[in-house]
Amino acid sequence: MLPWFFVTGIALVVLLIAEAKGLRWLKWIAKPTASTGFLAVALTAGALDSTYGRVLFVALAFCWLGDVLLIPKDRRIFTAGLVAFLLGHVVLIGAFPLHGFDARGAGAALVLVAPAAFLALRWLTPHLSSGMRAPVHAYVAAISVMVLVAAGATLGGAGAVVLIGAVCFFVSDLAVARERFVVSAFSNRAWGLPLYYAATLLLATTAAGV
């Protein structure tokens, strides 16, 4: 498992260099490589040996697809990438409770997640075209529910790694949203990409499942 952490880490550094220098050709190499690393971590952790692991692997595969689709600067392809990530979050919502689920954990998390989702939508909506409002609102709803379910699963026996990974995922998506809809700047990628890969790697380590 550890070698694949290094693969993702090194590819992430190369990806950040590609982003900083505007080297799109290098981004096409580095980003799929970094994302393949978290798929390999999941497989090495035993993703194919349990129902949870297999469902988690499908979610991570959607994330891999979304990563590739977000590389081009094309609105239609970006929307397809958004859909891929949306499906990934929906699958995660189905995966986490396989560890067990405590509704009290989800309820407690709602106190923090609901205001965060509301503020994110209030911040983003003025920057969205009419055609992007529904997809983005659906996406924010999905990632919010994903964090709530992760909190419930954590108290249900999944362990803190699931919740930490889910929260990192939520926050990293804000960087993507800022990049695409508010202001394009390397700073978005500088903190968003490390958080995203931390999230996917953390979730991948839980693939042994139940």
C-alpha atoms as a PDB file:
ATOM      1  CA  MET A   1       0.000   0.000   0.000  1.00  0.00           C
ATOM      2  CA  LEU A   2       2.751   2.449   0.992  1.00  0.00           C
ATOM      3  CA  PRO A   3       4.414   2.586  -2.465  1.00  0.00           C
ATOM      4  CA  TRP A   4       1.163   3.820  -3.962  1.00  0.00           C
ATOM      5  CA  PHE A   5       1.066   6.653  -1.435  1.00  0.00           C
ATOM      6  CA  PHE A   6       4.441   7.716  -2.806  1.00  0.00           C
ATOM      7  CA  VAL A   7       3.154   7.430  -6.388  1.00  0.00           C
ATOM      8  CA  THR A   8       0.237   9.728  -5.620  1.00  0.00           C
ATOM      9  CA  GLY A   9       2.420  12.087  -3.596  1.00  0.00           C
ATOM     10  CA  ILE A  10       5.054  12.447  -6.302  1.00  0.00           C
ATOM     11  CA  ALA A  11       2.429  12.782  -9.040  1.00  0.00           C
ATOM     12  CA  LEU A  12       0.678  15.437  -6.946  1.00  0.00           C
ATOM     13  CA  VAL A  13       3.877  17.484  -6.718  1.00  0.00           C
ATOM     14  CA  VAL A  14       4.322  17.203 -10.484  1.00  0.00           C
ATOM     15  CA  LEU A  15       0.660  18.143 -10.965  1.00  0.00           C
ATOM     16  CA  LEU A  16       1.066  21.275  -8.843  1.00  0.00           C
ATOM     17  CA  ILE A  17       4.124  22.238 -10.890  1.00  0.00           C
ATOM     18  CA  ALA A  18       2.108  21.687 -14.071  1.00  0.00           C
ATOM     19  CA  GLU A  19      -0.683  23.859 -12.691  1.00  0.00           C
ATOM     20  CA  ALA A  20       1.718  26.623 -11.663  1.00  0.00           C
ATOM     21  CA  LYS A  21       3.511  26.625 -15.016  1.00  0.00           C
ATOM     22  CA  GLY A  22       0.411  26.119 -17.153  1.00  0.00           C
ATOM     23  CA  LEU A  23       1.779  22.890 -18.641  1.00  0.00           C
ATOM     24  CA  ARG A  24      -1.413  21.160 -19.748  1.00  0.00           C
ATOM     25  CA  TRP A  25       0.411  18.238 -21.366  1.00  0.00           C
ATOM     26  CA  LEU A  26       2.104  17.480 -18.039  1.00  0.00           C
ATOM     27  CA  LYS A  27      -1.213  17.758 -16.236  1.00  0.00           C
ATOM     28  CA  TRP A  28      -2.609  15.014 -18.508  1.00  0.00           C
ATOM     29  CA  ILE A  29       0.158  12.739 -17.232  1.00  0.00           C
ATOM     30  CA  ALA A  30       0.328  13.727 -13.581  1.00  0.00           C
ATOM     31  CA  LYS A  31      -3.351  13.902 -12.644  1.00  0.00           C
ATOM     32  CA  PRO A  32      -4.441  10.455 -13.908  1.00  0.00           C
ATOM     33  CA  THR A  33      -1.297   9.001 -12.321  1.00  0.00           C
ATOM     34  CA  ALA A  34      -2.054  10.588  -8.952  1.00  0.00           C
ATOM     35  CA  SER A  35      -5.645   9.377  -9.107  1.00  0.00           C
ATOM     36  CA  THR A  36      -4.645   5.867 -10.157  1.00  0.00           C
ATOM     37  CA  GLY A  37      -2.642   5.801  -6.933  1.00  0.00           C
ATOM     38  CA  PHE A  38      -5.719   5.986  -4.719  1.00  0.00           C
ATOM     39  CA  LEU A  39      -7.404   3.221  -6.736  1.00  0.00           C
ATOM     40  CA  ALA A  40      -4.311   1.075  -6.206  1.00  0.00           C
ATOM     41  CA  VAL A  41      -4.328   1.822  -2.470  1.00  0.00           C
ATOM     42  CA  ALA A  42      -7.945   0.658  -2.268  1.00  0.00           C
ATOM     43  CA  LEU A  43      -7.159  -2.567  -4.140  1.00  0.00           C
ATOM     44  CA  THR A  44      -4.098  -3.221  -1.989  1.00  0.00           C
ATOM     45  CA  ALA A  45      -6.180  -2.630   1.132  1.00  0.00           C
ATOM     46  CA  GLY A  46      -8.587  -5.383   0.035  1.00  0.00           C
ATOM     47  CA  ALA A  47     -11.331  -3.507  -1.802  1.00  0.00           C
ATOM     48  CA  LEU A  48     -12.451  -6.618  -3.691  1.00  0.00           C
ATOM     49  CA  ASP A  49     -12.811  -8.730  -0.552  1.00  0.00           C
ATOM     50  CA  SER A  50     -15.907  -7.110   0.963  1.00  0.00           C
ATOM     51  CA  THR A  51     -19.140  -5.465  -0.095  1.00  0.00           C
ATOM     52  CA  TYR A  52     -18.030  -2.173   1.430  1.00  0.00           C
ATOM     53  CA  GLY A  53     -14.690  -2.357  -0.362  1.00  0.00           C
ATOM     54  CA  ARG A  54     -16.272  -3.021  -3.726  1.00  0.00           C
ATOM     55  CA  VAL A  55     -18.793  -0.198  -3.343  1.00  0.00           C
ATOM     56  CA  LEU A  56     -16.047   2.154  -2.158  1.00  0.00           C
ATOM     57  CA  PHE A  57     -13.925   1.210  -5.159  1.00  0.00           C
ATOM     58  CA  VAL A  58     -16.786   2.101  -7.514  1.00  0.00           C
ATOM     59  CA  ALA A  59     -17.055   5.510  -5.814  1.00  0.00           C
ATOM     60  CA  LEU A  60     -13.325   6.090  -6.179  1.00  0.00           C
ATOM     61  CA  ALA A  61     -13.493   5.007  -9.822  1.00  0.00           C
ATOM     62  CA  PHE A  62     -16.097   7.715 -10.450  1.00  0.00           C
ATOM     63  CA  CYS A  63     -13.692  10.179  -8.802  1.00  0.00           C
ATOM     64  CA  TRP A  64     -10.903   9.014 -11.118  1.00  0.00           C
ATOM     65  CA  LEU A  65     -13.179   9.622 -14.099  1.00  0.00           C
ATOM     66  CA  GLY A  66     -14.148  13.034 -12.745  1.00  0.00           C
ATOM     67  CA  ASP A  67     -10.494  13.969 -12.345  1.00  0.00           C
ATOM     68  CA  VAL A  68      -9.825  13.247 -16.006  1.00  0.00           C
ATOM     69  CA  LEU A  69     -12.930  15.073 -17.180  1.00  0.00           C
ATOM     70  CA  LEU A  70     -12.003  18.198 -15.214  1.00  0.00           C
ATOM     71  CA  ILE A  71      -8.705  18.604 -17.053  1.00  0.00           C
ATOM     72  CA  PRO A  72     -10.047  20.182 -20.281  1.00  0.00           C
ATOM     73  CA  LYS A  73     -11.253  23.778 -20.229  1.00  0.00           C
ATOM     74  CA  ASP A  74     -14.635  22.907 -21.706  1.00  0.00           C
ATOM     75  CA  ARG A  75     -17.948  23.613 -19.994  1.00  0.00           C
ATOM     76  CA  ARG A  76     -19.712  20.504 -21.314  1.00  0.00           C
ATOM     77  CA  ILE A  77     -16.864  18.227 -20.300  1.00  0.00           C
ATOM     78  CA  PHE A  78     -16.686  19.976 -16.917  1.00  0.00           C
ATOM     79  CA  THR A  79     -20.388  19.254 -16.428  1.00  0.00           C
ATOM     80  CA  ALA A  80     -19.730  15.590 -17.220  1.00  0.00           C
ATOM     81  CA  GLY A  81     -16.945  15.626 -14.635  1.00  0.00           C
ATOM     82  CA  LEU A  82     -19.311  17.178 -12.120  1.00  0.00           C
ATOM     83  CA  VAL A  83     -21.782  14.375 -12.778  1.00  0.00           C
ATOM     84  CA  ALA A  84     -19.034  11.775 -12.311  1.00  0.00           C
ATOM     85  CA  PHE A  85     -18.118  13.230  -8.927  1.00  0.00           C
ATOM     86  CA  LEU A  86     -21.792  13.523  -8.013  1.00  0.00           C
ATOM     87  CA  LEU A  87     -22.219   9.808  -8.716  1.00  0.00           C
ATOM     88  CA  GLY A  88     -19.097   9.123  -6.682  1.00  0.00           C
ATOM     89  CA  HIS A  89     -20.574  10.933  -3.686  1.00  0.00           C
ATOM     90  CA  VAL A  90     -23.901   9.135  -4.077  1.00  0.00           C
ATOM     91  CA  VAL A  91     -22.076   5.802  -4.045  1.00  0.00           C
ATOM     92  CA  LEU A  92     -20.114   6.881  -0.946  1.00  0.00           C
ATOM     93  CA  ILE A  93     -23.413   7.703   0.741  1.00  0.00           C
ATOM     94  CA  GLY A  94     -24.415   4.102   0.112  1.00  0.00           C
ATOM     95  CA  ALA A  95     -21.039   2.703   1.161  1.00  0.00           C
ATOM     96  CA  PHE A  96     -20.444   4.314   4.545  1.00  0.00           C
ATOM     97  CA  PRO A  97     -23.489   2.832   6.354  1.00  0.00           C
ATOM     98  CA  LEU A  98     -22.241  -0.663   5.515  1.00  0.00           C
ATOM     99  CA  HIS A  99     -19.966  -0.141   8.526  1.00  0.00           C
ATOM    100  CA  GLY A 100     -22.996   0.585  10.677  1.00  0.00           C
ATOM    101  CA  PHE A 101     -24.860   3.830  11.202  1.00  0.00           C
ATOM    102  CA  ASP A 102     -25.669   5.951  14.233  1.00  0.00           C
ATOM    103  CA  ALA A 103     -28.309   8.590  13.482  1.00  0.00           C
ATOM    104  CA  ARG A 104     -27.119  10.657  16.455  1.00  0.00           C
ATOM    105  CA  GLY A 105     -23.789  11.209  14.749  1.00  0.00           C
ATOM    106  CA  ALA A 106     -25.475  12.395  11.572  1.00  0.00           C
ATOM    107  CA  GLY A 107     -27.787  14.644  13.580  1.00  0.00           C
ATOM    108  CA  ALA A 108     -24.895  16.202  15.456  1.00  0.00           C
ATOM    109  CA  ALA A 109     -23.008  16.816  12.221  1.00  0.00           C
ATOM    110  CA  LEU A 110     -26.072  18.514  10.722  1.00  0.00           C
ATOM    111  CA  VAL A 111     -25.526  21.435  13.096  1.00  0.00           C
ATOM    112  CA  LEU A 112     -22.261  22.216  11.317  1.00  0.00           C
ATOM    113  CA  VAL A 113     -22.866  20.866   7.815  1.00  0.00           C
ATOM    114  CA  ALA A 114     -26.173  22.638   7.128  1.00  0.00           C
ATOM    115  CA  PRO A 115     -24.793  26.160   7.744  1.00  0.00           C
ATOM    116  CA  ALA A 116     -21.654  25.320   5.738  1.00  0.00           C
ATOM    117  CA  ALA A 117     -23.747  24.138   2.778  1.00  0.00           C
ATOM    118  CA  PHE A 118     -26.014  27.193   3.011  1.00  0.00           C
ATOM    119  CA  LEU A 119     -23.047  29.579   3.042  1.00  0.00           C
ATOM    120  CA  ALA A 120     -21.399  27.751   0.139  1.00  0.00           C
ATOM    121  CA  LEU A 121     -24.532  28.054  -1.980  1.00  0.00           C
ATOM    122  CA  ARG A 122     -25.035  31.689  -1.011  1.00  0.00           C
ATOM    123  CA  TRP A 123     -21.435  32.382  -2.050  1.00  0.00           C
ATOM    124  CA  LEU A 124     -21.573  30.447  -5.323  1.00  0.00           C
ATOM    125  CA  THR A 125     -25.061  31.133  -6.676  1.00  0.00           C
ATOM    126  CA  PRO A 126     -24.419  34.711  -7.916  1.00  0.00           C
ATOM    127  CA  HIS A 127     -21.521  33.359 -10.000  1.00  0.00           C
ATOM    128  CA  LEU A 128     -23.480  30.525 -11.632  1.00  0.00           C
ATOM    129  CA  SER A 129     -25.148  30.636 -15.015  1.00  0.00           C
ATOM    130  CA  SER A 130     -28.774  29.522 -15.114  1.00  0.00           C
ATOM    131  CA  GLY A 131     -27.733  26.205 -16.633  1.00  0.00           C
ATOM    132  CA  MET A 132     -25.249  25.429 -13.867  1.00  0.00           C
ATOM    133  CA  ARG A 133     -27.357  26.301 -10.852  1.00  0.00           C
ATOM    134  CA  ALA A 134     -29.271  23.016 -10.639  1.00  0.00           C
ATOM    135  CA  PRO A 135     -26.185  20.776 -11.096  1.00  0.00           C
ATOM    136  CA  VAL A 136     -24.144  22.751  -8.561  1.00  0.00           C
ATOM    137  CA  HIS A 137     -26.964  22.846  -6.010  1.00  0.00           C
ATOM    138  CA  ALA A 138     -27.440  19.085  -6.424  1.00  0.00           C
ATOM    139  CA  TYR A 139     -23.716  18.583  -5.967  1.00  0.00           C
ATOM    140  CA  VAL A 140     -23.567  20.648  -2.782  1.00  0.00           C
ATOM    141  CA  ALA A 141     -26.523  18.685  -1.436  1.00  0.00           C
ATOM    142  CA  ALA A 142     -24.774  15.399  -2.244  1.00  0.00           C
ATOM    143  CA  ILE A 143     -21.466  16.281  -0.609  1.00  0.00           C
ATOM    144  CA  SER A 144     -23.312  17.589   2.441  1.00  0.00           C
ATOM    145  CA  VAL A 145     -25.281  14.370   2.836  1.00  0.00           C
ATOM    146  CA  MET A 146     -22.051  12.423   2.281  1.00  0.00           C
ATOM    147  CA  VAL A 147     -20.457  14.158   5.287  1.00  0.00           C
ATOM    148  CA  LEU A 148     -23.567  13.571   7.406  1.00  0.00           C
ATOM    149  CA  VAL A 149     -23.611   9.877   6.556  1.00  0.00           C
ATOM    150  CA  ALA A 150     -19.862   9.648   7.230  1.00  0.00           C
ATOM    151  CA  ALA A 151     -20.458  11.116  10.697  1.00  0.00           C
ATOM    152  CA  GLY A 152     -23.202   8.574  11.361  1.00  0.00           C
ATOM    153  CA  ALA A 153     -21.006   5.750  10.088  1.00  0.00           C
ATOM    154  CA  THR A 154     -18.104   6.891  12.261  1.00  0.00           C
ATOM    155  CA  LEU A 155     -20.189   6.542  15.414  1.00  0.00           C
ATOM    156  CA  GLY A 156     -21.602   3.318  13.988  1.00  0.00           C
ATOM    157  CA  GLY A 157     -18.168   1.725  13.933  1.00  0.00           C
ATOM    158  CA  ALA A 158     -16.422   2.926  10.780  1.00  0.00           C
ATOM    159  CA  GLY A 159     -13.749   4.893  12.598  1.00  0.00           C
ATOM    160  CA  ALA A 160     -12.641   8.506  12.384  1.00  0.00           C
ATOM    161  CA  VAL A 161     -10.760   8.066   9.093  1.00  0.00           C
ATOM    162  CA  VAL A 162     -14.043   7.910   7.179  1.00  0.00           C
ATOM    163  CA  LEU A 163     -15.257  11.199   8.629  1.00  0.00           C
ATOM    164  CA  ILE A 164     -11.898  12.941   8.212  1.00  0.00           C
ATOM    165  CA  GLY A 165     -11.770  11.821   4.585  1.00  0.00           C
ATOM    166  CA  ALA A 166     -15.315  13.025   3.951  1.00  0.00           C
ATOM    167  CA  VAL A 167     -14.645  16.447   5.493  1.00  0.00           C
ATOM    168  CA  CYS A 168     -11.427  16.852   3.483  1.00  0.00           C
ATOM    169  CA  PHE A 169     -13.406  15.967   0.353  1.00  0.00           C
ATOM    170  CA  PHE A 170     -16.075  18.571   1.155  1.00  0.00           C
ATOM    171  CA  VAL A 171     -13.529  21.335   1.718  1.00  0.00           C
ATOM    172  CA  SER A 172     -11.477  20.428  -1.365  1.00  0.00           C
ATOM    173  CA  ASP A 173     -14.604  20.755  -3.507  1.00  0.00           C
ATOM    174  CA  LEU A 174     -14.868  24.378  -2.426  1.00  0.00           C
ATOM    175  CA  ALA A 175     -11.514  24.998  -4.081  1.00  0.00           C
ATOM    176  CA  VAL A 176     -12.812  23.483  -7.330  1.00  0.00           C
ATOM    177  CA  ALA A 177     -15.928  25.634  -7.116  1.00  0.00           C
ATOM    178  CA  ARG A 178     -13.893  28.793  -6.501  1.00  0.00           C
ATOM    179  CA  GLU A 179     -11.618  27.952  -9.431  1.00  0.00           C
ATOM    180  CA  ARG A 180     -14.430  27.301 -11.895  1.00  0.00           C
ATOM    181  CA  PHE A 181     -17.037  29.836 -10.841  1.00  0.00           C
ATOM    182  CA  VAL A 182     -15.506  32.634  -8.768  1.00  0.00           C
ATOM    183  CA  VAL A 183     -11.852  33.336  -9.578  1.00  0.00           C
ATOM    184  CA  SER A 184      -9.272  31.215 -11.358  1.00  0.00           C
ATOM    185  CA  ALA A 185      -5.986  31.203  -9.449  1.00  0.00           C
ATOM    186  CA  PHE A 186      -3.205  28.756  -8.689  1.00  0.00           C
ATOM    187  CA  SER A 187      -3.940  29.207  -4.989  1.00  0.00           C
ATOM    188  CA  ASN A 188      -7.158  27.214  -5.462  1.00  0.00           C
ATOM    189  CA  ARG A 189      -5.222  24.205  -6.694  1.00  0.00           C
ATOM    190  CA  ALA A 190      -2.387  24.725  -4.205  1.00  0.00           C
ATOM    191  CA  TRP A 191      -4.611  23.841  -1.246  1.00  0.00           C
ATOM    192  CA  GLY A 192      -7.520  22.093  -2.949  1.00  0.00           C
ATOM    193  CA  LEU A 193      -5.564  19.325  -4.672  1.00  0.00           C
ATOM    194  CA  PRO A 194      -3.590  18.199  -1.584  1.00  0.00           C
ATOM    195  CA  LEU A 195      -6.830  18.093   0.411  1.00  0.00           C
ATOM    196  CA  TYR A 196      -8.569  16.106  -2.323  1.00  0.00           C
ATOM    197  CA  TYR A 197      -5.840  13.506  -2.574  1.00  0.00           C
ATOM    198  CA  ALA A 198      -5.614  13.289   1.214  1.00  0.00           C
ATOM    199  CA  ALA A 199      -9.355  12.582   1.244  1.00  0.00           C
ATOM    200  CA  THR A 200      -9.283   9.897  -1.430  1.00  0.00           C
ATOM    201  CA  LEU A 201      -6.215   8.193   0.011  1.00  0.00           C
ATOM    202  CA  LEU A 202      -7.713   8.158   3.506  1.00  0.00           C
ATOM    203  CA  LEU A 203     -10.956   6.685   2.218  1.00  0.00           C
ATOM    204  CA  ALA A 204      -9.040   4.150   0.135  1.00  0.00           C
ATOM    205  CA  THR A 205      -7.274   2.830   3.246  1.00  0.00           C
ATOM    206  CA  THR A 206     -10.655   1.858   4.704  1.00  0.00           C
ATOM    207  CA  ALA A 207     -11.390  -0.493   1.794  1.00  0.00           C
ATOM    208  CA  ALA A 208     -10.867  -3.623   3.847  1.00  0.00           C
ATOM    209  CA  GLY A 209     -14.326  -2.848   5.134  1.00  0.00           C
ATOM    210  CA  VAL A 210     -16.528  -5.103   7.218  1.00  0.00           C
END
